[in-house]
Amino acid sequence: MYTRAGADRLRVAYLVYRGNPRCGGQGVYSRHLTRELVELGHEVTVFSGPPYPNLDEGVGFVPVPSLDLYREPDPFRVPKPSEFKSSIDLLEFGLMCTAGFPEPRTFTLRARRLLATRRADFDLVHDNQSLGSGLVGMMKDGWPLIATIHHPITVDRELDLAHATTFGRRLTLRRWYGFIKMQTRVAGQIPRVITVSESSCGDIAEQLGVERSRMSVVPVGVDEQVFRPRPEIARVPGRMMTTASADVPMKGLVPLLEALAKVRTEREDAHLVVIGRLKDGSRVPEVIERLGLGEAVRFVTGISDDELSEWYGAAELAIVPSLYEGFSLPAIEAMSCGVPLVATTGGALPEVVGRDGESALLVEPNDPGALAVAILRALGDAELRARLGAAGRARTLERFTWPVTARETAEQYYRLLDERQLGKEFVSAPVPETA
């Protein structure tokens, strides 16, 4: 483990192009990591595009306004002419009109402008997976820059394309994911990369071409005081929980619904609570209707972490049915609550949750039959559930806490700055700022 001599206080400009702490793991990561960095004595200012984050006391905040083209309840909206203030606004709208996703690019261009006069205020910039072309400009401006890449979005693209049923849908998806080409080029320019698992490290090296020597694994944490066993809450027989904050094929909700239908042929009390909201055009409602699960599936949104912990307290099982995960916050949150876990072997999940039968039951991804067998096994064995739940809690306390994540992240900051001072900063071929 790399450790810098001394304990210098660092001033960090932390970038996140979408800061919503209730929509995907990156928002949760940003909130808890910045809080714990401040607890260590560092000064952190979050630069975020909308939706803006809920940050803890002591964490600075600079909003990075955009056209917010995907905001609810009017996604893909057409802005009023008076909303266009700059060429970046025109670029953002133009990319959306051609079915592209502009936010990583336009956010970093705006952030570069905001930071242009603040070089004396910060020691480094930490980007949370925007990987936009504005970062290349920041490095040309002299900023030491480090980035977290949770997993390569190439995985999301390939899974979405595999589940697309029409040529038009595949064409739209290819255009939507057009930003990946930019992210690949930008990732190749960043001198130090943090990722969250060995699995992601391998995928980033293979799919984004980032050298392993420039990457370090710093696992994500969990707030073990909030996500804790709740013995005062009675378990509801047959209740399972899953998190699907991003309604995309990668999260495996459809295979889980198919497994639930199989389980209910033997366990009529089996039912599922889904933490998340369905997006417009989702195929999930049709699947629920086709499988006759209307009374057995409930969606819950807009709850606090403490309320989420209470929901876990009432569940007999937690399920992570993902086809792929670069880490999996829902897995360690459930384990920290002492809830027995059934998960797939997609991506980093075995690395995170441990070996099959020890702290979780594991099955191959996208296999509803195998998932149903594991669920029935766990629901029918109270002793097994108790053992898995206790082992899961112990594993999270040992390996996955936010203070540890923050300390190891700060070590990477020091490493970046020391390498820069010693003249060992990574150098690669120039990339145009408009990449």
Protein backbone atom coordinates (compact mmCIF):
# COMPACT_ATOMS: atom_id res chain seq x y z
CA MET A 1 0.00 0.00 0.00
CA TYR A 2 1.40 3.40 -0.98
CA THR A 3 1.63 5.93 1.87
CA ARG A 4 3.01 9.44 1.59
CA ALA A 5 5.26 10.71 4.36
CA GLY A 6 3.40 13.25 6.45
CA ALA A 7 -0.30 13.98 6.59
CA ASP A 8 -0.74 17.10 4.45
CA ARG A 9 -4.23 18.54 4.19
CA LEU A 10 -5.39 18.47 0.60
CA ARG A 11 -7.84 20.74 -1.20
CA VAL A 12 -9.87 18.69 -3.66
CA ALA A 13 -12.16 19.81 -6.48
CA TYR A 14 -14.48 16.82 -6.87
CA LEU A 15 -16.42 16.54 -10.13
CA VAL A 16 -19.64 14.57 -10.64
CA TYR A 17 -21.77 15.28 -13.69
CA ARG A 18 -24.95 14.01 -11.98
CA GLY A 19 -25.06 14.28 -8.21
CA ASN A 20 -28.38 12.66 -7.33
CA PRO A 21 -27.67 10.43 -4.29
CA ARG A 22 -30.80 8.31 -4.92
CA CYS A 23 -30.21 7.40 -8.55
CA GLY A 24 -27.37 4.98 -9.03
CA GLY A 25 -24.26 4.13 -7.08
CA GLN A 26 -22.17 7.07 -8.27
CA GLY A 27 -24.28 9.60 -6.37
CA VAL A 28 -24.07 7.52 -3.19
CA TYR A 29 -20.31 7.13 -3.69
CA SER A 30 -19.86 10.88 -4.07
CA ARG A 31 -21.77 11.81 -0.94
CA HIS A 32 -20.13 9.34 1.42
CA LEU A 33 -16.61 9.61 0.03
CA THR A 34 -16.56 13.41 0.27
CA ARG A 35 -17.92 13.32 3.82
CA GLU A 36 -15.24 10.93 4.97
CA LEU A 37 -12.47 12.84 3.20
CA VAL A 38 -13.54 15.92 5.17
CA GLU A 39 -13.53 13.82 8.36
CA LEU A 40 -9.88 13.00 7.60
CA GLY A 41 -9.13 16.74 7.54
CA HIS A 42 -9.15 17.40 3.81
CA GLU A 43 -11.08 20.22 2.14
CA VAL A 44 -13.47 18.98 -0.54
CA THR A 45 -15.63 21.07 -2.86
CA VAL A 46 -18.10 19.22 -5.07
CA PHE A 47 -18.77 20.59 -8.55
CA SER A 48 -21.96 18.91 -9.75
CA GLY A 49 -24.44 19.15 -12.55
CA PRO A 50 -28.15 18.64 -11.91
CA PRO A 51 -29.76 16.84 -10.22
CA TYR A 52 -27.68 18.30 -7.42
CA PRO A 53 -26.41 16.17 -4.52
CA ASN A 54 -27.36 16.12 -0.87
CA LEU A 55 -24.00 16.70 0.81
CA ASP A 56 -22.97 16.48 4.42
CA GLU A 57 -21.85 19.32 6.65
CA GLY A 58 -18.37 20.54 5.86
CA VAL A 59 -18.40 19.57 2.18
CA GLY A 60 -18.30 22.56 -0.17
CA PHE A 61 -20.57 22.80 -3.19
CA VAL A 62 -20.46 24.64 -6.50
CA PRO A 63 -23.43 24.03 -8.83
CA VAL A 64 -22.61 23.56 -12.49
CA PRO A 65 -25.90 24.54 -14.18
CA SER A 66 -26.89 22.94 -17.45
CA LEU A 67 -29.99 22.86 -19.62
CA ASP A 68 -31.01 19.79 -17.57
CA LEU A 69 -32.59 18.20 -20.62
CA TYR A 70 -33.55 14.93 -18.92
CA ARG A 71 -35.24 16.30 -15.82
CA GLU A 72 -38.56 14.95 -14.64
CA PRO A 73 -41.37 15.27 -15.50
CA ASP A 74 -40.27 16.47 -18.95
CA PRO A 75 -37.26 14.47 -20.19
CA PHE A 76 -35.89 15.34 -23.64
CA ARG A 77 -37.46 18.76 -23.30
CA VAL A 78 -36.98 21.67 -25.72
CA PRO A 79 -35.54 24.66 -23.81
CA LYS A 80 -36.82 28.20 -24.26
CA PRO A 81 -34.58 30.45 -26.40
CA SER A 82 -33.78 32.53 -23.32
CA GLU A 83 -32.15 29.48 -21.67
CA PHE A 84 -29.31 29.38 -24.18
CA LYS A 85 -26.43 31.34 -22.69
CA SER A 86 -23.33 29.86 -24.32
CA SER A 87 -21.95 27.69 -27.09
CA ILE A 88 -21.88 24.81 -24.60
CA ASP A 89 -25.66 25.11 -24.21
CA LEU A 90 -26.03 24.86 -27.99
CA LEU A 91 -23.74 21.82 -28.05
CA GLU A 92 -25.73 20.14 -25.27
CA PHE A 93 -29.06 20.62 -27.05
CA GLY A 94 -27.64 19.69 -30.46
CA LEU A 95 -26.23 16.40 -29.18
CA MET A 96 -29.54 15.52 -27.54
CA CYS A 97 -31.39 16.27 -30.78
CA THR A 98 -29.20 13.74 -32.58
CA ALA A 99 -29.98 11.08 -29.94
CA GLY A 100 -26.61 11.48 -28.22
CA PHE A 101 -25.98 11.83 -24.49
CA PRO A 102 -24.17 15.15 -24.00
CA GLU A 103 -23.77 15.48 -20.22
CA PRO A 104 -20.27 14.02 -19.63
CA ARG A 105 -18.83 16.25 -22.37
CA THR A 106 -20.71 19.47 -21.61
CA PHE A 107 -20.36 19.15 -17.82
CA THR A 108 -16.58 18.95 -18.01
CA LEU A 109 -16.40 21.87 -20.45
CA ARG A 110 -18.39 23.99 -17.98
CA ALA A 111 -16.35 22.74 -15.02
CA ARG A 112 -13.13 23.70 -16.83
CA ARG A 113 -14.43 27.26 -17.19
CA LEU A 114 -15.37 27.44 -13.51
CA LEU A 115 -11.95 26.17 -12.43
CA ALA A 116 -9.96 28.35 -14.83
CA THR A 117 -9.47 31.14 -12.27
CA ARG A 118 -9.23 28.88 -9.19
CA ARG A 119 -5.89 27.14 -9.64
CA ALA A 120 -4.69 28.57 -6.31
CA ASP A 121 -7.75 27.20 -4.47
CA PHE A 122 -7.23 23.45 -5.05
CA ASP A 123 -4.40 20.94 -5.09
CA LEU A 124 -6.03 18.51 -7.50
CA VAL A 125 -9.17 17.55 -9.41
CA HIS A 126 -10.96 14.24 -8.81
CA ASP A 127 -13.38 13.26 -11.57
CA ASN A 128 -16.09 10.70 -10.88
CA GLN A 129 -16.48 8.90 -14.21
CA SER A 130 -17.54 11.80 -16.39
CA LEU A 131 -14.39 11.29 -18.51
CA GLY A 132 -15.45 14.25 -20.63
CA SER A 133 -13.22 16.10 -23.06
CA GLY A 134 -13.06 19.12 -20.75
CA LEU A 135 -10.73 17.07 -18.52
CA VAL A 136 -8.10 17.08 -21.24
CA GLY A 137 -8.31 20.87 -21.21
CA MET A 138 -7.93 20.92 -17.43
CA MET A 139 -4.75 18.91 -17.65
CA LYS A 140 -3.44 21.32 -20.29
CA ASP A 141 -4.28 24.10 -17.84
CA GLY A 142 -1.94 22.47 -15.34
CA TRP A 143 -4.38 20.62 -13.06
CA PRO A 144 -3.26 17.37 -11.42
CA LEU A 145 -6.14 15.03 -12.24
CA ILE A 146 -7.30 11.66 -10.96
CA ALA A 147 -10.48 9.81 -11.95
CA THR A 148 -12.68 7.10 -10.52
CA ILE A 149 -13.96 4.64 -13.13
CA HIS A 150 -16.47 2.33 -11.50
CA HIS A 151 -16.67 0.12 -14.58
CA PRO A 152 -16.40 0.70 -18.34
CA ILE A 153 -19.73 1.84 -19.81
CA THR A 154 -18.91 -0.36 -22.79
CA VAL A 155 -20.45 -3.17 -20.72
CA ASP A 156 -23.75 -1.30 -20.40
CA ARG A 157 -23.77 -0.63 -24.13
CA GLU A 158 -23.22 -4.24 -25.13
CA LEU A 159 -25.89 -5.54 -22.74
CA ASP A 160 -28.40 -2.93 -23.90
CA LEU A 161 -27.70 -3.78 -27.54
CA ALA A 162 -28.06 -7.48 -26.83
CA HIS A 163 -31.55 -6.85 -25.41
CA ALA A 164 -32.69 -4.48 -28.16
CA THR A 165 -35.45 -6.08 -30.23
CA THR A 166 -35.57 -3.77 -33.26
CA PHE A 167 -33.10 -2.25 -35.70
CA GLY A 168 -34.30 1.23 -34.79
CA ARG A 169 -33.70 0.63 -31.11
CA ARG A 170 -30.18 -0.66 -31.79
CA LEU A 171 -29.46 2.40 -33.95
CA THR A 172 -30.70 4.74 -31.22
CA LEU A 173 -28.62 2.97 -28.58
CA ARG A 174 -25.47 3.19 -30.66
CA ARG A 175 -25.99 6.91 -31.01
CA TRP A 176 -26.82 7.34 -27.30
CA TYR A 177 -23.62 5.57 -26.29
CA GLY A 178 -21.55 7.62 -28.73
CA PHE A 179 -19.91 9.36 -25.76
CA ILE A 180 -17.97 6.15 -25.02
CA LYS A 181 -15.53 6.91 -27.82
CA MET A 182 -14.72 10.20 -26.10
CA GLN A 183 -14.46 8.54 -22.69
CA THR A 184 -12.03 5.94 -24.04
CA ARG A 185 -9.75 8.64 -25.45
CA VAL A 186 -9.93 10.74 -22.29
CA ALA A 187 -9.28 7.76 -19.98
CA GLY A 188 -6.06 7.22 -21.90
CA GLN A 189 -4.88 10.68 -20.84
CA ILE A 190 -5.49 10.44 -17.10
CA PRO A 191 -2.32 9.75 -15.08
CA ARG A 192 -3.97 7.91 -12.17
CA VAL A 193 -7.23 5.96 -12.10
CA ILE A 194 -9.13 4.59 -9.12
CA THR A 195 -11.48 1.68 -9.67
CA VAL A 196 -13.60 -0.30 -7.25
CA SER A 197 -12.75 -3.96 -7.88
CA GLU A 198 -10.19 -6.23 -9.51
CA SER A 199 -12.90 -7.27 -11.94
CA SER A 200 -13.45 -3.67 -13.05
CA CYS A 201 -9.70 -3.14 -13.25
CA GLY A 202 -9.40 -5.97 -15.77
CA ASP A 203 -12.39 -4.77 -17.78
CA ILE A 204 -11.11 -1.17 -17.89
CA ALA A 205 -7.71 -2.36 -19.08
CA GLU A 206 -9.26 -4.56 -21.77
CA GLN A 207 -12.08 -2.31 -22.97
CA LEU A 208 -10.76 1.22 -22.38
CA GLY A 209 -7.07 0.48 -22.90
CA VAL A 210 -5.95 1.97 -19.55
CA GLU A 211 -2.64 0.53 -18.39
CA ARG A 212 -2.89 -1.50 -15.20
CA SER A 213 0.13 0.34 -13.80
CA ARG A 214 -1.97 3.52 -13.69
CA MET A 215 -4.88 1.90 -11.84
CA SER A 216 -5.44 1.15 -8.17
CA VAL A 217 -8.36 -0.70 -6.60
CA VAL A 218 -10.16 1.10 -3.77
CA PRO A 219 -13.38 -0.72 -2.83
CA VAL A 220 -16.58 1.17 -2.11
CA GLY A 221 -17.88 1.35 1.45
CA VAL A 222 -21.14 1.15 3.36
CA ASP A 223 -22.41 3.14 6.34
CA GLU A 224 -22.52 0.28 8.82
CA GLN A 225 -24.28 2.41 11.45
CA VAL A 226 -27.26 3.07 9.16
CA PHE A 227 -27.22 -0.25 7.33
CA ARG A 228 -27.37 -2.49 10.39
CA PRO A 229 -29.38 -5.47 11.57
CA ARG A 230 -32.85 -4.42 12.76
CA PRO A 231 -33.95 -7.14 15.21
CA GLU A 232 -36.82 -4.94 16.37
CA ILE A 233 -38.45 -5.33 12.94
CA ALA A 234 -40.23 -8.60 12.21
CA ARG A 235 -39.32 -10.38 8.99
CA VAL A 236 -42.23 -10.70 6.56
CA PRO A 237 -42.51 -14.34 5.38
CA GLY A 238 -41.62 -14.70 1.72
CA ARG A 239 -40.44 -11.12 1.29
CA MET A 240 -37.50 -10.45 -1.03
CA MET A 241 -35.83 -7.14 -1.84
CA THR A 242 -33.86 -5.91 -4.80
CA THR A 243 -32.58 -2.54 -5.97
CA ALA A 244 -33.11 -1.41 -9.55
CA SER A 245 -32.48 2.34 -9.42
CA ALA A 246 -31.38 2.15 -13.06
CA ASP A 247 -34.10 0.38 -15.04
CA VAL A 248 -31.75 -1.22 -17.55
CA PRO A 249 -31.19 -4.83 -18.69
CA MET A 250 -27.84 -4.97 -16.89
CA LYS A 251 -29.59 -4.97 -13.50
CA GLY A 252 -31.34 -8.26 -14.27
CA LEU A 253 -34.82 -7.34 -13.03
CA VAL A 254 -36.59 -9.30 -15.79
CA PRO A 255 -34.78 -12.60 -15.01
CA LEU A 256 -35.62 -12.04 -11.34
CA LEU A 257 -39.31 -11.59 -12.15
CA GLU A 258 -39.23 -14.81 -14.16
CA ALA A 259 -37.58 -16.54 -11.19
CA LEU A 260 -40.22 -15.12 -8.85
CA ALA A 261 -42.98 -16.60 -11.00
CA LYS A 262 -41.32 -20.02 -10.69
CA VAL A 263 -40.87 -19.61 -6.92
CA ARG A 264 -44.54 -18.74 -6.44
CA THR A 265 -45.61 -22.11 -7.84
CA GLU A 266 -44.19 -23.55 -4.59
CA ARG A 267 -44.33 -20.57 -2.25
CA GLU A 268 -47.52 -18.53 -2.62
CA ASP A 269 -46.29 -16.01 -0.05
CA ALA A 270 -43.18 -15.13 -2.09
CA HIS A 271 -43.22 -11.47 -3.10
CA LEU A 272 -40.74 -8.82 -4.17
CA VAL A 273 -40.06 -5.24 -3.09
CA VAL A 274 -38.13 -3.30 -5.74
CA ILE A 275 -36.30 -0.16 -4.65
CA GLY A 276 -36.44 1.97 -7.78
CA ARG A 277 -38.64 3.62 -10.35
CA LEU A 278 -39.48 2.34 -13.81
CA LYS A 279 -38.53 4.55 -16.72
CA ASP A 280 -40.90 5.47 -19.54
CA GLY A 281 -41.12 2.68 -22.09
CA SER A 282 -39.87 0.01 -19.69
CA ARG A 283 -40.76 -3.55 -20.61
CA VAL A 284 -41.04 -4.51 -16.94
CA PRO A 285 -44.80 -3.77 -16.57
CA GLU A 286 -45.55 -6.04 -19.52
CA VAL A 287 -43.43 -8.80 -17.96
CA ILE A 288 -45.21 -8.43 -14.61
CA GLU A 289 -48.61 -8.66 -16.32
CA ARG A 290 -47.58 -11.61 -18.49
CA LEU A 291 -46.32 -13.55 -15.47
CA GLY A 292 -49.34 -12.70 -13.34
CA LEU A 293 -47.23 -10.96 -10.68
CA GLY A 294 -49.32 -7.82 -10.25
CA GLU A 295 -50.01 -8.53 -6.56
CA ALA A 296 -46.53 -9.88 -5.84
CA VAL A 297 -44.32 -6.93 -6.86
CA ARG A 298 -44.13 -3.53 -5.19
CA PHE A 299 -41.99 -0.55 -6.23
CA VAL A 300 -40.69 1.82 -3.56
CA THR A 301 -38.95 5.14 -4.30
CA GLY A 302 -37.94 8.35 -2.59
CA ILE A 303 -36.87 6.85 0.74
CA SER A 304 -33.97 7.75 3.03
CA ASP A 305 -31.09 5.42 3.84
CA ASP A 306 -32.58 4.78 7.28
CA GLU A 307 -35.93 3.86 5.72
CA LEU A 308 -34.11 1.59 3.28
CA SER A 309 -32.47 -0.13 6.25
CA GLU A 310 -35.93 -0.67 7.75
CA TRP A 311 -37.16 -2.25 4.52
CA TYR A 312 -34.19 -4.60 4.63
CA GLY A 313 -35.08 -5.40 8.23
CA ALA A 314 -38.45 -6.74 7.10
CA ALA A 315 -37.06 -8.88 4.26
CA GLU A 316 -36.19 -12.56 4.45
CA LEU A 317 -33.89 -12.33 1.45
CA ALA A 318 -32.06 -9.72 -0.62
CA ILE A 319 -31.48 -10.44 -4.30
CA VAL A 320 -28.85 -8.95 -6.64
CA PRO A 321 -29.77 -10.44 -10.04
CA SER A 322 -27.43 -8.24 -12.12
CA LEU A 323 -25.96 -9.47 -15.38
CA TYR A 324 -22.86 -7.41 -14.55
CA GLU A 325 -21.63 -5.25 -11.67
CA GLY A 326 -18.42 -3.28 -11.35
CA PHE A 327 -18.95 -3.46 -7.58
CA SER A 328 -22.52 -3.42 -6.10
CA LEU A 329 -23.57 -1.06 -3.36
CA PRO A 330 -26.94 -2.84 -2.93
CA ALA A 331 -25.10 -6.09 -2.18
CA ILE A 332 -22.98 -4.68 0.64
CA GLU A 333 -25.89 -2.62 2.01
CA ALA A 334 -28.00 -5.77 2.30
CA MET A 335 -25.11 -7.74 3.80
CA SER A 336 -24.41 -4.96 6.29
CA CYS A 337 -28.05 -5.20 7.38
CA GLY A 338 -27.55 -8.90 8.09
CA VAL A 339 -29.99 -9.90 5.35
CA PRO A 340 -29.12 -13.20 3.62
CA LEU A 341 -28.16 -12.56 0.02
CA VAL A 342 -28.73 -14.39 -3.25
CA ALA A 343 -26.63 -12.91 -6.07
CA THR A 344 -25.32 -13.73 -9.50
CA THR A 345 -21.70 -14.18 -10.51
CA GLY A 346 -21.90 -11.19 -12.89
CA GLY A 347 -18.77 -9.04 -12.99
CA ALA A 348 -17.33 -8.24 -9.56
CA LEU A 349 -20.12 -9.79 -7.48
CA PRO A 350 -18.20 -12.91 -6.33
CA GLU A 351 -15.26 -10.67 -5.40
CA VAL A 352 -17.57 -8.44 -3.36
CA VAL A 353 -19.93 -10.90 -1.68
CA GLY A 354 -17.59 -13.85 -1.15
CA ARG A 355 -17.75 -17.52 -2.08
CA ASP A 356 -20.96 -19.38 -2.72
CA GLY A 357 -22.47 -20.79 0.45
CA GLU A 358 -20.29 -18.76 2.82
CA SER A 359 -21.71 -15.22 2.88
CA ALA A 360 -24.15 -15.49 -0.04
CA LEU A 361 -25.67 -17.94 -2.49
CA LEU A 362 -24.37 -17.41 -6.02
CA VAL A 363 -25.84 -18.40 -9.38
CA GLU A 364 -24.97 -17.68 -13.00
CA PRO A 365 -26.43 -14.43 -14.36
CA ASN A 366 -29.51 -14.41 -16.62
CA ASP A 367 -30.64 -17.86 -15.43
CA PRO A 368 -34.14 -17.58 -13.89
CA GLY A 369 -34.26 -21.31 -13.15
CA ALA A 370 -31.04 -21.33 -11.13
CA LEU A 371 -32.10 -18.14 -9.37
CA ALA A 372 -35.45 -19.70 -8.41
CA VAL A 373 -33.71 -22.79 -7.00
CA ALA A 374 -31.42 -20.65 -4.84
CA ILE A 375 -34.32 -18.51 -3.61
CA LEU A 376 -36.38 -21.55 -2.67
CA ARG A 377 -33.40 -23.10 -0.91
CA ALA A 378 -32.88 -19.98 1.19
CA LEU A 379 -36.56 -19.36 1.94
CA GLY A 380 -36.93 -22.94 3.12
CA ASP A 381 -33.93 -22.99 5.47
CA ALA A 382 -34.00 -20.57 8.43
CA GLU A 383 -30.63 -21.81 9.71
CA LEU A 384 -29.00 -21.13 6.33
CA ARG A 385 -30.49 -17.63 6.23
CA ALA A 386 -29.18 -16.86 9.71
CA ARG A 387 -25.70 -18.11 8.84
CA LEU A 388 -25.51 -16.19 5.56
CA GLY A 389 -26.81 -13.01 7.17
CA ALA A 390 -24.26 -13.09 9.99
CA ALA A 391 -21.38 -13.86 7.62
CA GLY A 392 -22.44 -11.05 5.29
CA ARG A 393 -22.47 -8.52 8.12
CA ALA A 394 -19.02 -9.65 9.27
CA ARG A 395 -17.63 -9.39 5.73
CA THR A 396 -18.79 -5.81 5.25
CA LEU A 397 -17.41 -4.68 8.61
CA GLU A 398 -14.05 -6.22 7.75
CA ARG A 399 -13.71 -5.03 4.15
CA PHE A 400 -16.16 -2.32 3.09
CA THR A 401 -16.49 0.86 5.15
CA TRP A 402 -16.41 4.49 3.95
CA PRO A 403 -13.56 5.60 6.26
CA VAL A 404 -11.36 2.93 4.69
CA THR A 405 -12.45 4.02 1.19
CA ALA A 406 -11.58 7.63 2.01
CA ARG A 407 -8.16 6.82 3.48
CA GLU A 408 -7.17 4.72 0.49
CA THR A 409 -8.49 7.37 -1.90
CA ALA A 410 -6.41 10.04 -0.17
CA GLU A 411 -3.36 7.79 -0.58
CA GLN A 412 -3.99 7.87 -4.32
CA TYR A 413 -4.15 11.68 -4.21
CA TYR A 414 -0.75 11.79 -2.52
CA ARG A 415 0.62 9.31 -5.01
CA LEU A 416 -0.57 11.44 -7.94
CA LEU A 417 0.97 14.61 -6.49
CA ASP A 418 4.26 12.94 -5.58
CA GLU A 419 4.64 11.38 -9.02
CA ARG A 420 3.91 14.76 -10.58
CA GLN A 421 6.48 16.46 -8.35
CA LEU A 422 9.07 13.82 -9.20
CA GLY A 423 8.41 14.25 -12.91
CA LYS A 424 6.86 10.81 -13.33
CA GLU A 425 3.49 12.01 -14.54
CA PHE A 426 1.98 9.80 -17.22
CA VAL A 427 2.49 11.14 -20.74
CA SER A 428 0.55 9.98 -23.76
CA ALA A 429 -0.15 11.15 -27.27
CA PRO A 430 -2.03 14.47 -27.43
CA VAL A 431 -5.79 14.27 -27.77
CA PRO A 432 -7.84 17.18 -29.14
CA GLU A 433 -10.00 18.92 -26.52
CA THR A 434 -13.02 18.39 -28.76
CA ALA A 435 -12.59 14.60 -28.69
